[in-house]
Amino acid sequence: MDTNVHLSVLRLNHIFRKICAKVRDPTDLPSLKEDVVVTLNMFEWEFMGVFFNVMTHLVLDVVEKMVICGPVHSRWMYLIEQTMGTFKKYVCNCARPKASMALGYMLDETLGFITKYMQTFTHV
C-alpha cells in the first residue's frame, strides 16, 4: 500500500477512535474538526473524485454534532438494531412473528437462568 494511503487510513482510524470514545475533552473538538478536514483532503488527493460522495463528508457532520449533542455513543442505534436482529432470528412461525420472538426470548432467558443455576451446584 502506498505510504500516503496508509497514513490517511491511520488518521481516519484515529479520528473514529476519538469520535467513539466515551470520555472526551471538549477543548479537543476544534483540533478533531481540523483533523477530519485534513484527512478527507488527503483521501481526496489520493483517490481524486471517485471515492467521494455525500457519505464521506458525514464524518465531519458527526464531529459537528458532537459539539451540539454530546458523545456519539449515547445516540447510536446499533445496540437496538443488533437486539432486533437477534429477535428476528427467533421467528419460526411467519404467521405470528411477534409470538415467535416472545417465545424465543423467553426460552433464551430461561436457558440462561438454568445455566447459572446449574453452575452454582458445580462450584460448591
Protein backbone atom coordinates (compact mmCIF):
# COMPACT_ATOMS: atom_id res chain seq x y z
CA MET A 1 0.00 0.00 0.00
CA ASP A 2 1.21 3.48 -0.78
CA THR A 3 2.51 5.34 2.29
CA ASN A 4 0.16 8.30 1.75
CA VAL A 5 -2.87 5.99 1.59
CA HIS A 6 -1.63 4.13 4.66
CA LEU A 7 -1.21 7.43 6.56
CA SER A 8 -4.70 8.55 5.50
CA VAL A 9 -6.30 5.34 6.74
CA LEU A 10 -4.40 5.57 10.04
CA ARG A 11 -5.54 9.16 10.52
CA LEU A 12 -9.15 8.17 9.82
CA ASN A 13 -8.84 5.32 12.32
CA HIS A 14 -7.54 7.76 14.93
CA ILE A 15 -10.46 10.10 14.23
CA PHE A 16 -13.02 7.33 14.66
CA ARG A 17 -11.40 6.28 17.92
CA LYS A 18 -11.79 9.81 19.22
CA ILE A 19 -15.38 10.01 17.97
CA CYS A 20 -16.33 6.70 19.58
CA ALA A 21 -14.65 7.41 22.92
CA LYS A 22 -16.99 7.50 25.90
CA VAL A 23 -14.93 10.20 27.61
CA ARG A 24 -13.79 13.21 25.65
CA ASP A 25 -12.15 16.55 26.23
CA PRO A 26 -14.33 19.44 24.97
CA THR A 27 -11.25 21.50 24.16
CA ASP A 28 -10.10 18.77 21.77
CA LEU A 29 -13.07 19.17 19.38
CA PRO A 30 -11.69 22.05 17.25
CA SER A 31 -8.48 20.10 16.59
CA LEU A 32 -10.56 17.00 15.81
CA LYS A 33 -12.54 19.01 13.27
CA GLU A 34 -9.29 20.15 11.66
CA ASP A 35 -8.02 16.55 11.62
CA VAL A 36 -11.18 15.44 9.81
CA VAL A 37 -10.81 18.14 7.17
CA VAL A 38 -7.11 17.37 6.61
CA THR A 39 -7.75 13.61 6.46
CA LEU A 40 -10.61 13.96 3.99
CA ASN A 41 -8.40 16.19 1.85
CA MET A 42 -5.69 13.52 1.96
CA PHE A 43 -8.22 10.92 0.79
CA GLU A 44 -9.45 13.24 -1.94
CA TRP A 45 -5.88 13.84 -3.09
CA GLU A 46 -5.16 10.10 -3.27
CA PHE A 47 -8.45 8.88 -4.73
CA MET A 48 -9.49 12.02 -6.65
CA GLY A 49 -13.26 12.30 -7.12
CA VAL A 50 -14.02 8.60 -7.48
CA PHE A 51 -14.03 7.86 -3.75
CA PHE A 52 -16.17 10.78 -2.64
CA ASN A 53 -19.89 11.11 -2.25
CA VAL A 54 -22.07 12.61 0.47
CA MET A 55 -21.36 9.74 2.89
CA THR A 56 -17.66 10.52 3.26
CA HIS A 57 -18.43 14.02 4.49
CA LEU A 58 -20.71 12.65 7.22
CA VAL A 59 -17.61 12.20 9.38
CA LEU A 60 -17.35 15.98 9.60
CA ASP A 61 -21.08 16.17 10.35
CA VAL A 62 -20.68 13.68 13.21
CA VAL A 63 -17.91 15.78 14.74
CA GLU A 64 -20.04 18.91 14.47
CA LYS A 65 -22.95 17.12 16.15
CA MET A 66 -20.62 16.07 18.96
CA VAL A 67 -20.28 19.76 19.81
CA ILE A 68 -24.06 20.24 19.90
CA CYS A 69 -25.42 16.92 21.24
CA GLY A 70 -22.59 15.41 23.23
CA PRO A 71 -20.98 11.97 22.92
CA VAL A 72 -21.89 9.89 19.90
CA HIS A 73 -22.21 6.52 21.65
CA SER A 74 -25.33 7.65 23.54
CA ARG A 75 -27.16 8.40 20.25
CA TRP A 76 -26.31 5.28 18.26
CA MET A 77 -28.98 2.81 17.23
CA TYR A 78 -26.55 -0.08 16.77
CA LEU A 79 -27.45 -1.88 20.01
CA ILE A 80 -31.17 -1.69 19.29
CA GLU A 81 -30.66 -2.92 15.72
CA GLN A 82 -28.47 -5.77 16.97
CA THR A 83 -31.13 -6.81 19.52
CA MET A 84 -33.87 -6.67 16.88
CA GLY A 85 -31.70 -8.85 14.60
CA THR A 86 -31.47 -11.41 17.39
CA PHE A 87 -35.24 -11.31 17.88
CA LYS A 88 -35.84 -11.77 14.15
CA LYS A 89 -33.77 -14.97 14.27
CA TYR A 90 -36.25 -16.39 16.77
CA VAL A 91 -39.11 -16.26 14.24
CA CYS A 92 -40.22 -19.78 13.34
CA ASN A 93 -43.89 -19.15 12.55
CA CYS A 94 -44.22 -16.43 9.91
CA ALA A 95 -47.95 -16.16 10.61
CA ARG A 96 -47.23 -15.00 14.19
CA PRO A 97 -43.78 -13.38 14.24
CA LYS A 98 -44.26 -11.44 17.48
CA ALA A 99 -45.31 -14.54 19.38
CA SER A 100 -42.29 -16.42 17.99
CA MET A 101 -39.99 -13.61 19.09
CA ALA A 102 -41.50 -13.60 22.57
CA LEU A 103 -41.23 -17.38 22.87
CA GLY A 104 -37.64 -17.37 21.61
CA TYR A 105 -36.66 -14.61 24.05
CA MET A 106 -38.36 -16.46 26.89
CA LEU A 107 -36.54 -19.69 26.03
CA ASP A 108 -33.21 -17.88 25.76
CA GLU A 109 -33.65 -16.21 29.16
CA THR A 110 -34.82 -19.48 30.73
CA LEU A 111 -31.76 -21.33 29.43
CA GLY A 112 -29.57 -18.56 30.79
CA PHE A 113 -31.09 -18.81 34.27
CA ILE A 114 -30.90 -22.62 34.24
CA THR A 115 -27.25 -22.48 33.21
CA LYS A 116 -26.44 -20.09 36.07
CA TYR A 117 -28.44 -22.26 38.49
CA MET A 118 -26.59 -25.41 37.45
CA GLN A 119 -23.21 -23.65 37.71
CA THR A 120 -23.87 -22.84 41.38
CA PHE A 121 -24.04 -26.57 42.14
CA THR A 122 -20.91 -27.46 40.20
CA HIS A 123 -18.77 -24.88 42.06
CA VAL A 124 -19.87 -26.00 45.57
